Amino acid sequence: MNSVDADGTDVTSRVSVRCQGNVSIGVTFCDRFAFDADSVHFAVELRAPGLTARIDDVVAWIWAGDLAPFLEGIAADYRGWDGERSWQTGDRDLSVSAVFRSGGHVGLTWTLRPCPEAVGGWGASVTTWLEAGEQMASLASDIRQFLAAEKE
């Protein structure tokens, strides 16, 4: 799922997720930076026809459950589950919910909500559909690499 530059070079500082059914719908994790050893900061972009949304300072804390184990758990359950699973950052500005559908597909709904407590705030969501097995495992691995990469 790692992005590839126009010259064909792998871009490890960026992870893009495209919907299997509609490649114009997607999520990109990019612009990673760190202030200290306790956290990683990054931007998240959502896109769909008629929608572009971005949050520039999502924070992943090393002491909190991060996105990679959540995605790894979904990949491990490639045979399916009932109901919805969800995860969110400590600041609740990025959340992900997952559902399993017959045929071995996982719907990941990615929601951005900067300053969720602010009056007049905004929110945006897109849903990407991926194969439950290999595509989910690849996404989980790419996110783990992205979040764990050495400081630039």
C-alpha atoms as a PDB file:
ATOM      1  CA  MET A   1       0.000   0.000   0.000  1.00  0.00           C
ATOM      2  CA  ASN A   2       3.018   2.293   0.147  1.00  0.00           C
ATOM      3  CA  SER A   3       2.849   5.038  -2.410  1.00  0.00           C
ATOM      4  CA  VAL A   4       5.199   5.154  -5.342  1.00  0.00           C
ATOM      5  CA  ASP A   5       6.657   8.383  -6.734  1.00  0.00           C
ATOM      6  CA  ALA A   6       6.340   9.209 -10.426  1.00  0.00           C
ATOM      7  CA  ASP A   7       9.871   7.885 -10.959  1.00  0.00           C
ATOM      8  CA  GLY A   8       8.869   4.505  -9.475  1.00  0.00           C
ATOM      9  CA  THR A   9      10.643   4.989  -6.136  1.00  0.00           C
ATOM     10  CA  ASP A  10       8.970   3.597  -3.032  1.00  0.00           C
ATOM     11  CA  VAL A  11       7.947   6.356  -0.653  1.00  0.00           C
ATOM     12  CA  THR A  12       8.174   4.931   2.866  1.00  0.00           C
ATOM     13  CA  SER A  13       7.111   8.188   4.498  1.00  0.00           C
ATOM     14  CA  ARG A  14       3.653   7.924   2.948  1.00  0.00           C
ATOM     15  CA  VAL A  15       0.946   5.254   3.077  1.00  0.00           C
ATOM     16  CA  SER A  16      -2.028   5.420   0.740  1.00  0.00           C
ATOM     17  CA  VAL A  17      -5.150   3.292   0.988  1.00  0.00           C
ATOM     18  CA  ARG A  18      -7.413   3.135  -2.052  1.00  0.00           C
ATOM     19  CA  CYS A  19     -10.867   1.648  -2.094  1.00  0.00           C
ATOM     20  CA  GLN A  20     -10.901  -1.621  -4.027  1.00  0.00           C
ATOM     21  CA  GLY A  21     -14.252  -0.766  -5.638  1.00  0.00           C
ATOM     22  CA  ASN A  22     -13.540   2.899  -6.436  1.00  0.00           C
ATOM     23  CA  VAL A  23      -9.906   4.067  -6.585  1.00  0.00           C
ATOM     24  CA  SER A  24     -10.957   7.719  -6.406  1.00  0.00           C
ATOM     25  CA  ILE A  25     -11.795   7.103  -2.719  1.00  0.00           C
ATOM     26  CA  GLY A  26      -8.821   6.911  -0.418  1.00  0.00           C
ATOM     27  CA  VAL A  27      -6.815   7.870   2.631  1.00  0.00           C
ATOM     28  CA  THR A  28      -3.195   9.012   2.803  1.00  0.00           C
ATOM     29  CA  PHE A  29      -0.920   9.120   5.845  1.00  0.00           C
ATOM     30  CA  CYS A  30       1.979  11.518   5.242  1.00  0.00           C
ATOM     31  CA  ASP A  31       4.221  14.305   6.555  1.00  0.00           C
ATOM     32  CA  ARG A  32       5.385  12.373   9.612  1.00  0.00           C
ATOM     33  CA  PHE A  33       7.479  14.177  12.211  1.00  0.00           C
ATOM     34  CA  ALA A  34       8.385  13.796  15.888  1.00  0.00           C
ATOM     35  CA  PHE A  35       9.089  16.263  18.673  1.00  0.00           C
ATOM     36  CA  ASP A  36      10.194  13.661  21.201  1.00  0.00           C
ATOM     37  CA  ALA A  37      10.556   9.920  21.809  1.00  0.00           C
ATOM     38  CA  ASP A  38       6.989   9.593  23.141  1.00  0.00           C
ATOM     39  CA  SER A  39       5.006  10.413  20.030  1.00  0.00           C
ATOM     40  CA  VAL A  40       4.831  10.581  16.269  1.00  0.00           C
ATOM     41  CA  HIS A  41       2.891  13.340  14.505  1.00  0.00           C
ATOM     42  CA  PHE A  42       1.549  13.042  10.985  1.00  0.00           C
ATOM     43  CA  ALA A  43      -1.055  14.297   8.544  1.00  0.00           C
ATOM     44  CA  VAL A  44      -4.063  12.339   7.297  1.00  0.00           C
ATOM     45  CA  GLU A  45      -5.847  13.173   4.050  1.00  0.00           C
ATOM     46  CA  LEU A  46      -9.226  11.853   2.904  1.00  0.00           C
ATOM     47  CA  ARG A  47     -10.392  12.057  -0.691  1.00  0.00           C
ATOM     48  CA  ALA A  48     -13.497  11.079  -2.599  1.00  0.00           C
ATOM     49  CA  PRO A  49     -15.364  12.616  -5.522  1.00  0.00           C
ATOM     50  CA  GLY A  50     -16.253  16.124  -4.318  1.00  0.00           C
ATOM     51  CA  LEU A  51     -14.335  15.758  -1.029  1.00  0.00           C
ATOM     52  CA  THR A  52     -10.830  16.560   0.135  1.00  0.00           C
ATOM     53  CA  ALA A  53     -10.124  16.816   3.865  1.00  0.00           C
ATOM     54  CA  ARG A  54      -6.885  16.950   5.827  1.00  0.00           C
ATOM     55  CA  ILE A  55      -5.698  17.155   9.406  1.00  0.00           C
ATOM     56  CA  ASP A  56      -2.055  18.177   9.742  1.00  0.00           C
ATOM     57  CA  ASP A  57      -1.252  17.142  13.313  1.00  0.00           C
ATOM     58  CA  VAL A  58      -2.580  13.719  14.266  1.00  0.00           C
ATOM     59  CA  VAL A  59      -0.617  12.317  17.219  1.00  0.00           C
ATOM     60  CA  ALA A  60       0.258   8.673  17.867  1.00  0.00           C
ATOM     61  CA  TRP A  61       1.527   8.178  21.438  1.00  0.00           C
ATOM     62  CA  ILE A  62       3.847   5.249  22.109  1.00  0.00           C
ATOM     63  CA  TRP A  63       2.066   4.449  25.400  1.00  0.00           C
ATOM     64  CA  ALA A  64      -1.389   4.309  23.837  1.00  0.00           C
ATOM     65  CA  GLY A  65      -2.820   1.567  21.638  1.00  0.00           C
ATOM     66  CA  ASP A  66      -1.962   2.636  18.128  1.00  0.00           C
ATOM     67  CA  LEU A  67      -3.502   1.998  14.755  1.00  0.00           C
ATOM     68  CA  ALA A  68      -1.139  -0.797  13.654  1.00  0.00           C
ATOM     69  CA  PRO A  69      -2.297  -3.407  16.238  1.00  0.00           C
ATOM     70  CA  PHE A  70      -5.930  -2.550  15.470  1.00  0.00           C
ATOM     71  CA  LEU A  71      -5.368  -3.210  11.747  1.00  0.00           C
ATOM     72  CA  GLU A  72      -3.292  -6.318  12.492  1.00  0.00           C
ATOM     73  CA  GLY A  73      -6.180  -7.721  14.534  1.00  0.00           C
ATOM     74  CA  ILE A  74      -8.553  -7.173  11.634  1.00  0.00           C
ATOM     75  CA  ALA A  75      -6.105  -8.835   9.230  1.00  0.00           C
ATOM     76  CA  ALA A  76      -5.775 -11.828  11.589  1.00  0.00           C
ATOM     77  CA  ASP A  77      -9.567 -12.268  11.566  1.00  0.00           C
ATOM     78  CA  TYR A  78      -9.728 -12.581   7.777  1.00  0.00           C
ATOM     79  CA  ARG A  79     -12.519 -15.178   8.081  1.00  0.00           C
ATOM     80  CA  GLY A  80     -14.801 -12.518   9.473  1.00  0.00           C
ATOM     81  CA  TRP A  81     -16.558 -11.290  12.600  1.00  0.00           C
ATOM     82  CA  ASP A  82     -19.926  -9.898  13.609  1.00  0.00           C
ATOM     83  CA  GLY A  83     -20.579  -6.251  14.355  1.00  0.00           C
ATOM     84  CA  GLU A  84     -18.288  -3.276  14.122  1.00  0.00           C
ATOM     85  CA  ARG A  85     -14.805  -2.741  15.518  1.00  0.00           C
ATOM     86  CA  SER A  86     -13.468   0.724  16.140  1.00  0.00           C
ATOM     87  CA  TRP A  87     -10.327   2.621  17.098  1.00  0.00           C
ATOM     88  CA  GLN A  88      -9.510   6.293  17.651  1.00  0.00           C
ATOM     89  CA  THR A  89      -6.583   8.489  18.580  1.00  0.00           C
ATOM     90  CA  GLY A  90      -6.352   9.826  22.116  1.00  0.00           C
ATOM     91  CA  ASP A  91      -7.426  13.237  20.822  1.00  0.00           C
ATOM     92  CA  ARG A  92     -10.312  11.609  18.871  1.00  0.00           C
ATOM     93  CA  ASP A  93      -9.412  13.557  15.737  1.00  0.00           C
ATOM     94  CA  LEU A  94      -8.899  10.355  13.723  1.00  0.00           C
ATOM     95  CA  SER A  95     -11.127   7.311  14.089  1.00  0.00           C
ATOM     96  CA  VAL A  96     -11.546   4.108  12.126  1.00  0.00           C
ATOM     97  CA  SER A  97     -14.401   1.633  12.197  1.00  0.00           C
ATOM     98  CA  ALA A  98     -14.306  -1.756  10.509  1.00  0.00           C
ATOM     99  CA  VAL A  99     -17.041  -4.104   9.325  1.00  0.00           C
ATOM    100  CA  PHE A 100     -16.765  -7.482   7.624  1.00  0.00           C
ATOM    101  CA  ARG A 101     -18.938  -8.386   4.650  1.00  0.00           C
ATOM    102  CA  SER A 102     -19.490 -11.697   2.933  1.00  0.00           C
ATOM    103  CA  GLY A 103     -17.042 -12.440   0.176  1.00  0.00           C
ATOM    104  CA  GLY A 104     -14.087 -11.634   2.427  1.00  0.00           C
ATOM    105  CA  HIS A 105     -14.122  -7.820   2.298  1.00  0.00           C
ATOM    106  CA  VAL A 106     -13.512  -5.309   5.068  1.00  0.00           C
ATOM    107  CA  GLY A 107     -15.009  -1.840   5.035  1.00  0.00           C
ATOM    108  CA  LEU A 108     -12.831   0.685   6.861  1.00  0.00           C
ATOM    109  CA  THR A 109     -14.562   3.991   7.560  1.00  0.00           C
ATOM    110  CA  TRP A 110     -11.938   6.669   8.220  1.00  0.00           C
ATOM    111  CA  THR A 111     -13.231   9.769  10.014  1.00  0.00           C
ATOM    112  CA  LEU A 112     -11.423  13.063  10.570  1.00  0.00           C
ATOM    113  CA  ARG A 113     -12.821  15.387  13.206  1.00  0.00           C
ATOM    114  CA  PRO A 114     -10.346  18.112  14.224  1.00  0.00           C
ATOM    115  CA  CYS A 115     -11.081  19.653  17.611  1.00  0.00           C
ATOM    116  CA  PRO A 116     -14.083  17.364  18.208  1.00  0.00           C
ATOM    117  CA  GLU A 117     -15.171  19.431  21.219  1.00  0.00           C
ATOM    118  CA  ALA A 118     -15.154  22.778  19.365  1.00  0.00           C
ATOM    119  CA  VAL A 119     -18.390  24.492  18.480  1.00  0.00           C
ATOM    120  CA  GLY A 120     -18.762  24.733  14.725  1.00  0.00           C
ATOM    121  CA  GLY A 121     -16.172  22.062  14.063  1.00  0.00           C
ATOM    122  CA  TRP A 122     -16.266  19.832  11.037  1.00  0.00           C
ATOM    123  CA  GLY A 123     -15.957  16.156  10.281  1.00  0.00           C
ATOM    124  CA  ALA A 124     -15.415  14.098   7.147  1.00  0.00           C
ATOM    125  CA  SER A 125     -15.483  10.348   6.466  1.00  0.00           C
ATOM    126  CA  VAL A 126     -14.689   7.972   3.629  1.00  0.00           C
ATOM    127  CA  THR A 127     -15.023   4.203   3.467  1.00  0.00           C
ATOM    128  CA  THR A 128     -12.426   2.036   1.773  1.00  0.00           C
ATOM    129  CA  TRP A 129     -13.130  -1.607   0.950  1.00  0.00           C
ATOM    130  CA  LEU A 130     -10.233  -4.061   1.011  1.00  0.00           C
ATOM    131  CA  GLU A 131      -9.782  -7.813   0.826  1.00  0.00           C
ATOM    132  CA  ALA A 132      -9.780  -9.195   4.353  1.00  0.00           C
ATOM    133  CA  GLY A 133      -6.557 -11.209   4.035  1.00  0.00           C
ATOM    134  CA  GLU A 134      -3.536 -10.000   2.120  1.00  0.00           C
ATOM    135  CA  GLN A 135      -4.633  -6.397   1.523  1.00  0.00           C
ATOM    136  CA  MET A 136      -5.425  -5.896   5.228  1.00  0.00           C
ATOM    137  CA  ALA A 137      -2.146  -7.515   6.282  1.00  0.00           C
ATOM    138  CA  SER A 138      -0.227  -5.303   3.856  1.00  0.00           C
ATOM    139  CA  LEU A 139      -1.980  -2.169   5.127  1.00  0.00           C
ATOM    140  CA  ALA A 140      -1.252  -3.104   8.763  1.00  0.00           C
ATOM    141  CA  SER A 141       2.418  -3.668   7.944  1.00  0.00           C
ATOM    142  CA  ASP A 142       2.687  -0.381   6.036  1.00  0.00           C
ATOM    143  CA  ILE A 143       1.075   1.572   8.886  1.00  0.00           C
ATOM    144  CA  ARG A 144       3.380  -0.094  11.437  1.00  0.00           C
ATOM    145  CA  GLN A 145       6.420   0.926   9.331  1.00  0.00           C
ATOM    146  CA  PHE A 146       5.084   4.449   8.862  1.00  0.00           C
ATOM    147  CA  LEU A 147       4.474   5.002  12.588  1.00  0.00           C
ATOM    148  CA  ALA A 148       7.718   3.341  13.692  1.00  0.00           C
ATOM    149  CA  ALA A 149      10.035   4.938  11.136  1.00  0.00           C
ATOM    150  CA  GLU A 150      13.048   6.730  12.514  1.00  0.00           C
ATOM    151  CA  LYS A 151      12.803  10.458  12.965  1.00  0.00           C
ATOM    152  CA  GLU A 152      13.654  12.313   9.824  1.00  0.00           C
END
